[in-house]
Amino acid sequence: MSGHGTPIKMSAHASQGLKGEAHVPGDKSISHRSLILGALSVGETKVTGLLEGEDVLDTAKAMRAFGAEVMRDEDGTWHIHGVGVGGFAEPDQVVDCGNSGTGVRLIMGAMATSPITATFTGDASLNKRPMARVTDPLALFGARTVGRSGGRLPMTIVGAEMPVPVRYDVPVPSAQVKSAMLLAGLNAPGETVVIERDATRDHSERMLAGFGAKISTEETNEGRIITLRGQPELSPQTIIVPRDPSSAAFPVCAALITEGSDVLVPNIGLNPTRSGLFPTLREMGADLTYERQRAEGGEPVADLRARFSPNLRGIEVPPNRAASMIDEYPVLSVVACFAEGKTEMRGVKELRVKESDRIDAMARGLRASGVTVDEGADWWAVHGLGHGGVPGGAICETFLDHRIAMSFMVLGLATQAAVTLDDGSPIATSFPIFEQLMGGLGADIRRG
């Protein structure tokens, strides 16, 4: 049963020659952080290119609940009039974060060092996801938490009345945990220090510095040591959100496996902590090139051109690359189906605790489509069948996970028989124009 309303049955059919430009939505990670840091600033932050998917819109609603003024112009420009660090008001109602693990965890961090109480909930998928990985370290600041067993939503957080600075070693690579701790550290006195042994996406560090926080990063034998001085006055910014590399992954990968394709995906953020998929695809033999490489708003950007690549080969993806492409493994596993040989993906246990158990969800659908998949707690491997060799014909369960849904729609564009989803409605959480965009390129995706 869908957590997003009536289930939407969708199917993808063999297609020929995807062509054109794919203007994917704005970066989801940067969109969430723009709203939250705008709300913690003093004055008006303006944001253009914001991803207007359900996840980000839920974060905008949450910022209003905490007292910020958040408005959207008809031309798509967003205005956030912030309340300043430590200025969050106590919400009148339960804060519903929908399907967004990023949104809820970052907001928990942002309010955990203010003397207010807030209760969080989400949809059926989000309410199954573990929150203790964030709430346990937030307790070090003095915040208190009451939730369901297993650290699950709905959950109430009582913010610290007298927060203390924290030094925290992140136990698993997680940009959400790191970011929650840094946002909490904003309203704690002194210096909050976060240590990550494996680098994760660094949008929070870049954006905090852009808003005027005193933050530094040092590479050491211990890992990346991030030091934030608390209680700054953040200055409002004008932000142009680059387009989301995680969303770009779907038209890019579809072009690589669909015969006759040549697709350009403009203005994609290539932050090295986010873009591990693209060098991985090139190592597999993908015809994927970067055009007009440049910098925008402190982030590296380029246009990506992806062409049909009939001679893909399986590889072993380096485990240390996992953090830079964790959301892209589902669609990478689709590309691996059309490669010759085995593609091994290790160091990916985070996939087990995303919107769904993404290893299990993809393995089920790929096996039902005639592909051999091996898996363990922290790894999985796809045995490729080469171009034209994947039978397809499966009805795949999405488990309320947008990336699982879109990955199987990409799969069906190059299989011998159509691939069907039990429910495609979760796609709207991150990529509301997915069907329109893919159809415009020539993909045969149908409802019903």
Protein backbone atom coordinates (compact mmCIF):
# COMPACT_ATOMS: atom_id res chain seq x y z
CA MET A 1 0.00 0.00 0.00
CA SER A 2 1.38 3.41 -0.91
CA GLY A 3 2.39 5.94 1.70
CA HIS A 4 1.68 8.64 -0.87
CA GLY A 5 -2.00 8.02 -1.67
CA THR A 6 -3.45 5.69 -4.29
CA PRO A 7 -0.78 3.38 -5.75
CA ILE A 8 0.25 4.25 -9.30
CA LYS A 9 1.02 1.22 -11.45
CA MET A 10 3.70 2.01 -14.04
CA SER A 11 5.57 0.04 -16.69
CA ALA A 12 8.66 0.66 -18.81
CA HIS A 13 9.00 -0.87 -22.27
CA ALA A 14 11.93 -1.39 -24.62
CA SER A 15 12.81 1.94 -26.22
CA GLN A 16 15.07 3.12 -29.02
CA GLY A 17 17.30 6.15 -29.25
CA LEU A 18 16.79 8.41 -26.25
CA LYS A 19 17.76 11.86 -27.49
CA GLY A 20 17.70 15.46 -26.35
CA GLU A 21 18.45 17.52 -23.25
CA ALA A 22 17.39 16.31 -19.81
CA HIS A 23 16.84 19.26 -17.48
CA VAL A 24 16.73 17.47 -14.15
CA PRO A 25 15.53 19.13 -10.91
CA GLY A 26 17.68 21.06 -8.46
CA ASP A 27 19.97 19.28 -6.04
CA LYS A 28 17.96 17.83 -3.16
CA SER A 29 20.75 18.01 -0.56
CA ILE A 30 21.47 21.67 -1.30
CA SER A 31 17.75 22.49 -1.42
CA HIS A 32 17.14 21.11 2.09
CA ARG A 33 20.14 22.96 3.50
CA SER A 34 19.23 26.24 1.77
CA LEU A 35 15.87 26.27 3.55
CA ILE A 36 17.26 25.29 6.96
CA LEU A 37 20.25 27.65 6.94
CA GLY A 38 18.06 30.42 5.53
CA ALA A 39 15.72 29.91 8.47
CA LEU A 40 18.68 30.12 10.89
CA SER A 41 19.95 33.37 9.37
CA VAL A 42 18.99 36.94 10.18
CA GLY A 43 17.36 38.53 7.15
CA GLU A 44 16.14 37.31 3.76
CA THR A 45 17.71 34.42 1.85
CA LYS A 46 16.73 34.02 -1.81
CA VAL A 47 16.89 30.64 -3.52
CA THR A 48 16.45 29.85 -7.22
CA GLY A 49 16.44 26.37 -8.73
CA LEU A 50 15.08 24.79 -5.53
CA LEU A 51 13.93 21.20 -5.98
CA GLU A 52 10.16 21.35 -5.57
CA GLY A 53 9.68 17.67 -4.79
CA GLU A 54 7.65 16.51 -1.81
CA ASP A 55 10.71 15.97 0.41
CA VAL A 56 11.93 19.55 0.08
CA LEU A 57 8.43 21.04 0.28
CA ASP A 58 7.99 19.21 3.61
CA THR A 59 11.18 20.86 4.86
CA ALA A 60 9.81 24.25 3.78
CA LYS A 61 6.63 23.56 5.78
CA ALA A 62 8.73 22.54 8.77
CA MET A 63 10.72 25.80 8.66
CA ARG A 64 7.42 27.70 8.74
CA ALA A 65 6.38 25.61 11.75
CA PHE A 66 9.56 26.69 13.55
CA GLY A 67 8.79 30.37 12.93
CA ALA A 68 10.57 31.28 9.68
CA GLU A 69 8.68 33.03 6.89
CA VAL A 70 8.99 30.96 3.71
CA MET A 71 7.42 32.14 0.44
CA ARG A 72 7.61 31.27 -3.25
CA ASP A 73 7.24 33.75 -6.12
CA GLU A 74 5.43 32.85 -9.31
CA ASP A 75 8.79 32.74 -11.12
CA GLY A 76 10.01 29.97 -8.78
CA THR A 77 12.22 32.13 -6.53
CA TRP A 78 11.98 31.21 -2.85
CA HIS A 79 12.34 33.76 -0.03
CA ILE A 80 13.23 32.68 3.50
CA HIS A 81 13.08 35.31 6.27
CA GLY A 82 15.08 33.68 9.03
CA VAL A 83 14.80 33.82 12.79
CA GLY A 84 18.52 33.52 13.55
CA VAL A 85 20.56 30.87 15.34
CA GLY A 86 18.70 29.87 18.50
CA GLY A 87 15.57 31.66 17.32
CA PHE A 88 13.36 28.71 16.44
CA ALA A 89 9.84 28.90 17.88
CA GLU A 90 8.09 25.83 19.27
CA PRO A 91 5.81 24.28 16.63
CA ASP A 92 2.09 24.26 17.37
CA GLN A 93 1.55 20.91 15.65
CA VAL A 94 3.39 17.68 14.92
CA VAL A 95 6.05 18.24 12.23
CA ASP A 96 5.40 15.86 9.33
CA CYS A 97 8.52 15.27 7.24
CA GLY A 98 6.85 12.94 4.75
CA ASN A 99 9.37 10.57 3.19
CA SER A 100 12.49 12.60 3.85
CA GLY A 101 15.19 11.08 6.04
CA THR A 102 17.48 13.99 5.19
CA GLY A 103 14.88 16.57 6.13
CA VAL A 104 13.89 15.09 9.48
CA ARG A 105 17.44 14.33 10.64
CA LEU A 106 18.79 17.76 9.71
CA ILE A 107 15.83 19.54 11.30
CA MET A 108 16.26 17.49 14.48
CA GLY A 109 19.84 18.71 14.63
CA ALA A 110 18.89 22.33 13.95
CA MET A 111 16.38 22.42 16.86
CA ALA A 112 18.13 20.13 19.35
CA THR A 113 20.11 22.93 21.04
CA SER A 114 17.16 25.33 21.42
CA PRO A 115 14.93 25.20 24.54
CA ILE A 116 11.86 24.03 22.62
CA THR A 117 10.00 20.75 22.15
CA ALA A 118 8.94 19.29 18.81
CA THR A 119 7.32 16.04 17.73
CA PHE A 120 8.25 14.56 14.35
CA THR A 121 6.48 12.01 12.18
CA GLY A 122 6.56 10.87 8.56
CA ASP A 123 4.98 8.52 6.08
CA ALA A 124 4.89 4.73 6.41
CA SER A 125 8.40 4.39 5.00
CA LEU A 126 10.06 7.12 7.08
CA ASN A 127 8.45 5.86 10.28
CA LYS A 128 10.33 2.57 9.85
CA ARG A 129 13.75 4.18 9.50
CA PRO A 130 16.28 4.38 12.38
CA MET A 131 16.62 7.79 14.02
CA ALA A 132 18.85 6.77 16.94
CA ARG A 133 21.92 7.31 14.79
CA VAL A 134 21.07 11.03 15.04
CA THR A 135 19.23 11.30 18.35
CA ASP A 136 21.89 9.41 20.35
CA PRO A 137 24.70 11.87 19.49
CA LEU A 138 22.33 14.84 19.82
CA ALA A 139 21.86 13.75 23.44
CA LEU A 140 25.51 14.72 23.99
CA PHE A 141 24.47 18.36 23.56
CA GLY A 142 21.79 17.88 26.25
CA ALA A 143 18.76 17.12 24.07
CA ARG A 144 16.27 14.48 25.24
CA THR A 145 14.26 12.15 23.03
CA VAL A 146 11.16 9.99 23.40
CA GLY A 147 10.17 7.77 20.49
CA ARG A 148 8.98 4.34 19.49
CA SER A 149 11.02 1.21 20.01
CA GLY A 150 14.11 0.99 17.85
CA GLY A 151 14.45 4.76 17.76
CA ARG A 152 11.64 5.18 15.25
CA LEU A 153 9.16 7.95 14.50
CA PRO A 154 6.86 9.41 15.73
CA MET A 155 9.38 10.98 18.09
CA THR A 156 9.50 13.95 20.42
CA ILE A 157 12.72 15.90 20.99
CA VAL A 158 13.15 18.23 23.95
CA GLY A 159 15.89 20.66 23.02
CA ALA A 160 18.75 21.41 25.40
CA GLU A 161 18.17 24.44 27.63
CA MET A 162 21.90 24.85 28.26
CA PRO A 163 23.66 23.07 25.38
CA VAL A 164 27.31 22.12 25.62
CA PRO A 165 29.81 21.78 22.78
CA VAL A 166 30.54 18.25 21.60
CA ARG A 167 33.39 16.28 20.08
CA TYR A 168 31.92 13.39 18.10
CA ASP A 169 33.47 10.64 16.00
CA VAL A 170 30.85 9.59 13.40
CA PRO A 171 30.79 5.75 13.57
CA VAL A 172 29.52 5.17 10.01
CA PRO A 173 29.84 7.33 6.90
CA SER A 174 26.71 9.50 7.03
CA ALA A 175 26.35 13.06 5.79
CA GLN A 176 23.01 13.24 7.60
CA VAL A 177 24.54 12.47 11.01
CA LYS A 178 27.47 14.81 10.41
CA SER A 179 25.18 17.61 9.26
CA ALA A 180 22.77 17.16 12.17
CA MET A 181 25.67 17.50 14.61
CA LEU A 182 27.02 20.62 12.89
CA LEU A 183 23.57 22.25 12.83
CA ALA A 184 23.15 21.46 16.53
CA GLY A 185 26.60 22.90 17.19
CA LEU A 186 25.49 26.26 15.81
CA ASN A 187 23.62 27.08 19.02
CA ALA A 188 26.16 25.54 21.44
CA PRO A 189 28.90 27.68 22.97
CA GLY A 190 32.54 27.07 22.12
CA GLU A 191 33.70 24.63 19.45
CA THR A 192 31.86 21.56 18.25
CA VAL A 193 34.13 19.03 16.54
CA VAL A 194 32.91 16.29 14.22
CA ILE A 195 35.29 13.60 12.96
CA GLU A 196 34.50 11.40 9.97
CA ARG A 197 36.88 8.62 8.96
CA ASP A 198 35.40 8.37 5.46
CA ALA A 199 34.56 11.60 3.68
CA THR A 200 30.86 12.16 2.96
CA ARG A 201 29.14 14.87 0.95
CA ASP A 202 30.32 18.25 2.21
CA HIS A 203 27.43 20.53 1.24
CA SER A 204 26.81 21.43 4.90
CA GLU A 205 30.40 22.57 5.45
CA ARG A 206 30.44 24.60 2.23
CA MET A 207 27.07 26.21 2.92
CA LEU A 208 27.77 26.95 6.58
CA ALA A 209 30.91 28.79 5.51
CA GLY A 210 28.92 30.64 2.85
CA PHE A 211 26.38 31.79 5.45
CA GLY A 212 29.22 33.14 7.62
CA ALA A 213 29.83 30.38 10.16
CA LYS A 214 33.39 29.91 11.40
CA ILE A 215 34.07 26.36 10.24
CA SER A 216 37.29 24.60 9.26
CA THR A 217 38.15 21.16 7.91
CA GLU A 218 41.45 19.37 8.46
CA GLU A 219 42.55 16.13 6.81
CA THR A 220 44.45 13.98 9.32
CA ASN A 221 45.38 10.35 9.91
CA GLU A 222 42.36 10.26 12.22
CA GLY A 223 40.09 11.31 9.36
CA ARG A 224 38.42 14.58 8.42
CA ILE A 225 38.19 16.83 11.49
CA ILE A 226 35.51 19.51 11.14
CA THR A 227 35.52 22.30 13.72
CA LEU A 228 32.59 24.71 14.10
CA ARG A 229 32.52 27.72 16.41
CA GLY A 230 29.06 28.04 17.90
CA GLN A 231 26.61 30.91 18.27
CA PRO A 232 27.42 32.90 15.12
CA GLU A 233 25.07 35.31 13.42
CA LEU A 234 24.48 33.76 10.03
CA SER A 235 24.13 36.17 7.10
CA PRO A 236 21.40 35.60 4.50
CA GLN A 237 22.51 34.48 1.05
CA THR A 238 21.39 34.37 -2.57
CA ILE A 239 21.64 30.74 -3.67
CA ILE A 240 21.45 29.22 -7.13
CA VAL A 241 20.87 25.50 -6.63
CA PRO A 242 22.80 23.31 -9.11
CA ARG A 243 20.97 20.38 -10.69
CA ASP A 244 20.94 17.14 -8.75
CA PRO A 245 23.55 14.50 -9.72
CA SER A 246 21.41 11.80 -8.11
CA SER A 247 18.51 12.72 -10.40
CA ALA A 248 20.86 13.03 -13.38
CA ALA A 249 21.85 9.40 -12.80
CA PHE A 250 18.56 8.14 -14.25
CA PRO A 251 18.62 9.73 -17.73
CA VAL A 252 22.39 9.17 -17.91
CA CYS A 253 22.13 5.46 -17.12
CA ALA A 254 19.09 5.06 -19.36
CA ALA A 255 21.06 6.51 -22.29
CA LEU A 256 24.00 4.16 -21.69
CA ILE A 257 21.86 1.00 -21.96
CA THR A 258 19.31 2.08 -24.59
CA GLU A 259 20.47 1.56 -28.18
CA GLY A 260 20.93 4.68 -30.30
CA SER A 261 20.88 7.13 -27.38
CA ASP A 262 22.63 10.50 -27.09
CA VAL A 263 21.47 12.57 -24.12
CA LEU A 264 22.85 15.84 -22.70
CA VAL A 265 22.17 16.59 -19.03
CA PRO A 266 23.10 20.26 -18.39
CA ASN A 267 24.31 22.02 -15.24
CA ILE A 268 24.98 18.99 -13.03
CA GLY A 269 26.72 19.46 -9.70
CA LEU A 270 29.98 17.49 -9.62
CA ASN A 271 30.97 17.94 -6.01
CA PRO A 272 33.52 15.11 -5.55
CA THR A 273 31.76 13.96 -2.38
CA ARG A 274 28.59 13.36 -4.45
CA SER A 275 29.61 12.32 -7.96
CA GLY A 276 31.25 8.91 -7.55
CA LEU A 277 28.78 7.28 -9.96
CA PHE A 278 30.14 9.03 -13.03
CA PRO A 279 33.80 7.88 -12.81
CA THR A 280 32.47 4.42 -11.94
CA LEU A 281 30.42 4.32 -15.15
CA ARG A 282 33.42 5.47 -17.16
CA GLU A 283 35.51 2.67 -15.65
CA MET A 284 32.83 0.27 -16.89
CA GLY A 285 33.35 1.57 -20.42
CA ALA A 286 30.51 4.09 -20.55
CA ASP A 287 30.59 6.76 -23.24
CA LEU A 288 30.11 9.58 -20.73
CA THR A 289 31.81 12.94 -21.14
CA TYR A 290 31.94 16.22 -19.21
CA GLU A 291 31.34 19.42 -21.17
CA ARG A 292 31.69 23.06 -20.06
CA GLN A 293 33.26 22.27 -16.69
CA ARG A 294 32.97 25.31 -14.41
CA ALA A 295 32.20 26.50 -10.87
CA GLU A 296 28.89 27.96 -9.70
CA GLY A 297 28.21 29.07 -6.14
CA GLY A 298 31.32 27.32 -4.87
CA GLU A 299 30.29 23.98 -6.41
CA PRO A 300 31.90 22.34 -9.48
CA VAL A 301 29.40 21.98 -12.35
CA ALA A 302 29.42 20.50 -15.86
CA ASP A 303 27.11 19.32 -18.64
CA LEU A 304 27.08 15.52 -18.94
CA ARG A 305 26.74 13.81 -22.32
CA ALA A 306 25.79 10.12 -22.23
CA ARG A 307 25.70 7.91 -25.32
CA PHE A 308 24.66 4.30 -25.81
CA SER A 309 27.50 2.05 -24.65
CA PRO A 310 27.14 -1.56 -25.92
CA ASN A 311 30.47 -2.80 -24.55
CA LEU A 312 30.08 -2.21 -20.82
CA ARG A 313 32.09 -4.46 -18.53
CA GLY A 314 31.66 -5.47 -14.90
CA ILE A 315 34.06 -4.02 -12.35
CA GLU A 316 34.68 -4.04 -8.61
CA VAL A 317 33.57 -0.67 -7.26
CA PRO A 318 36.08 0.61 -4.65
CA PRO A 319 34.50 0.50 -1.17
CA ASN A 320 35.91 3.94 -0.34
CA ARG A 321 33.76 5.38 -3.13
CA ALA A 322 30.51 4.31 -1.48
CA ALA A 323 29.85 7.51 0.44
CA SER A 324 30.11 9.59 -2.74
CA MET A 325 27.47 7.56 -4.61
CA ILE A 326 25.40 5.78 -1.97
CA ASP A 327 22.07 6.82 -3.53
CA GLU A 328 23.16 5.75 -7.01
CA TYR A 329 23.86 2.06 -6.35
CA PRO A 330 20.32 0.97 -7.31
CA VAL A 331 20.58 2.46 -10.81
CA LEU A 332 24.22 1.36 -11.08
CA SER A 333 23.02 -2.20 -10.50
CA VAL A 334 20.69 -1.74 -13.48
CA VAL A 335 23.59 -0.72 -15.72
CA ALA A 336 25.55 -3.71 -14.38
CA CYS A 337 22.84 -6.02 -15.76
CA PHE A 338 23.82 -4.96 -19.30
CA ALA A 339 27.59 -5.29 -18.74
CA GLU A 340 29.69 -8.33 -19.50
CA GLY A 341 30.83 -10.04 -16.30
CA LYS A 342 30.28 -9.37 -12.62
CA THR A 343 29.98 -5.98 -10.93
CA GLU A 344 30.82 -6.12 -7.21
CA MET A 345 29.73 -3.37 -4.80
CA ARG A 346 31.19 -3.48 -1.29
CA GLY A 347 31.13 -1.24 1.77
CA VAL A 348 27.46 -0.47 1.15
CA LYS A 349 25.67 -1.44 4.37
CA GLU A 350 24.07 2.03 4.43
CA LEU A 351 21.84 0.79 1.60
CA ARG A 352 20.14 -1.50 4.10
CA VAL A 353 18.72 1.45 6.08
CA LYS A 354 17.62 3.87 3.38
CA GLU A 355 13.96 4.47 2.44
CA SER A 356 13.96 0.71 1.98
CA ASP A 357 16.56 -2.05 2.23
CA ARG A 358 17.79 -1.09 -1.21
CA ILE A 359 20.01 -4.14 -1.69
CA ASP A 360 17.10 -6.46 -0.96
CA ALA A 361 14.63 -4.44 -3.02
CA MET A 362 16.85 -4.31 -6.10
CA ALA A 363 17.95 -7.92 -5.76
CA ARG A 364 14.33 -9.10 -5.74
CA GLY A 365 13.38 -7.17 -8.85
CA LEU A 366 16.56 -7.99 -10.77
CA ARG A 367 16.24 -11.69 -10.01
CA ALA A 368 12.62 -11.60 -11.13
CA SER A 369 13.89 -10.04 -14.37
CA GLY A 370 16.28 -12.92 -14.99
CA VAL A 371 19.51 -11.52 -13.51
CA THR A 372 21.69 -13.36 -10.96
CA VAL A 373 22.41 -11.28 -7.84
CA ASP A 374 24.58 -12.30 -4.87
CA GLU A 375 24.42 -10.37 -1.62
CA GLY A 376 25.72 -10.09 1.93
CA ALA A 377 25.26 -7.70 4.83
CA ASP A 378 27.68 -5.14 3.40
CA TRP A 379 28.00 -6.08 -0.27
CA TRP A 380 26.24 -7.27 -3.39
CA ALA A 381 27.18 -8.39 -6.88
CA VAL A 382 25.30 -8.35 -10.18
CA HIS A 383 26.16 -10.85 -12.91
CA GLY A 384 25.74 -8.97 -16.17
CA LEU A 385 24.09 -10.47 -19.24
CA GLY A 386 25.36 -7.95 -21.78
CA HIS A 387 23.41 -5.72 -24.15
CA GLY A 388 20.10 -7.29 -25.13
CA GLY A 389 20.49 -10.19 -22.75
CA VAL A 390 18.20 -9.20 -19.86
CA PRO A 391 14.76 -10.92 -20.05
CA GLY A 392 12.76 -8.48 -17.87
CA GLY A 393 9.04 -9.13 -17.52
CA ALA A 394 8.99 -8.65 -13.75
CA ILE A 395 6.46 -6.92 -11.53
CA CYS A 396 8.72 -5.11 -9.05
CA GLU A 397 7.84 -3.89 -5.57
CA THR A 398 9.14 -0.39 -4.84
CA PHE A 399 8.79 -0.53 -1.01
CA LEU A 400 7.73 3.16 -1.10
CA ASP A 401 11.25 4.05 -2.32
CA HIS A 402 11.60 6.62 -5.11
CA ARG A 403 15.05 5.49 -6.23
CA ILE A 404 13.98 1.85 -6.44
CA ALA A 405 10.99 2.88 -8.56
CA MET A 406 13.02 4.97 -11.01
CA SER A 407 15.78 2.36 -11.26
CA PHE A 408 13.33 -0.32 -12.37
CA MET A 409 11.81 2.06 -14.91
CA VAL A 410 15.31 2.55 -16.37
CA LEU A 411 15.76 -1.24 -16.43
CA GLY A 412 12.60 -1.78 -18.48
CA LEU A 413 13.79 0.53 -21.26
CA ALA A 414 16.33 -2.09 -22.40
CA THR A 415 14.89 -5.47 -21.34
CA GLN A 416 13.28 -7.99 -23.67
CA ALA A 417 9.91 -7.69 -21.88
CA ALA A 418 8.40 -4.74 -20.00
CA VAL A 419 9.16 -4.12 -16.34
CA THR A 420 6.23 -3.07 -14.12
CA LEU A 421 6.09 -1.26 -10.77
CA ASP A 422 3.52 -2.03 -8.08
CA ASP A 423 3.55 1.68 -7.14
CA GLY A 424 5.36 4.54 -8.84
CA SER A 425 3.91 7.29 -6.66
CA PRO A 426 7.04 7.68 -4.45
CA ILE A 427 8.93 9.10 -7.47
CA ALA A 428 7.33 12.48 -6.71
CA THR A 429 9.33 12.81 -3.49
CA SER A 430 12.53 13.69 -5.36
CA PHE A 431 11.84 13.81 -9.12
CA PRO A 432 8.27 15.00 -9.79
CA ILE A 433 8.94 15.52 -13.53
CA PHE A 434 10.56 12.09 -14.07
CA GLU A 435 7.88 10.67 -16.39
CA GLN A 436 7.59 13.89 -18.40
CA LEU A 437 11.36 14.26 -18.76
CA MET A 438 12.02 10.64 -19.72
CA GLY A 439 9.08 10.63 -22.13
CA GLY A 440 10.46 13.75 -23.78
CA LEU A 441 13.69 11.88 -24.48
CA GLY A 442 11.79 9.02 -26.08
CA ALA A 443 11.39 6.58 -23.19
CA ASP A 444 8.29 4.36 -23.33
CA ILE A 445 6.94 4.61 -19.77
CA ARG A 446 3.23 4.04 -19.23
CA ARG A 447 0.75 4.26 -16.38
CA GLY A 448 -1.84 1.64 -15.60
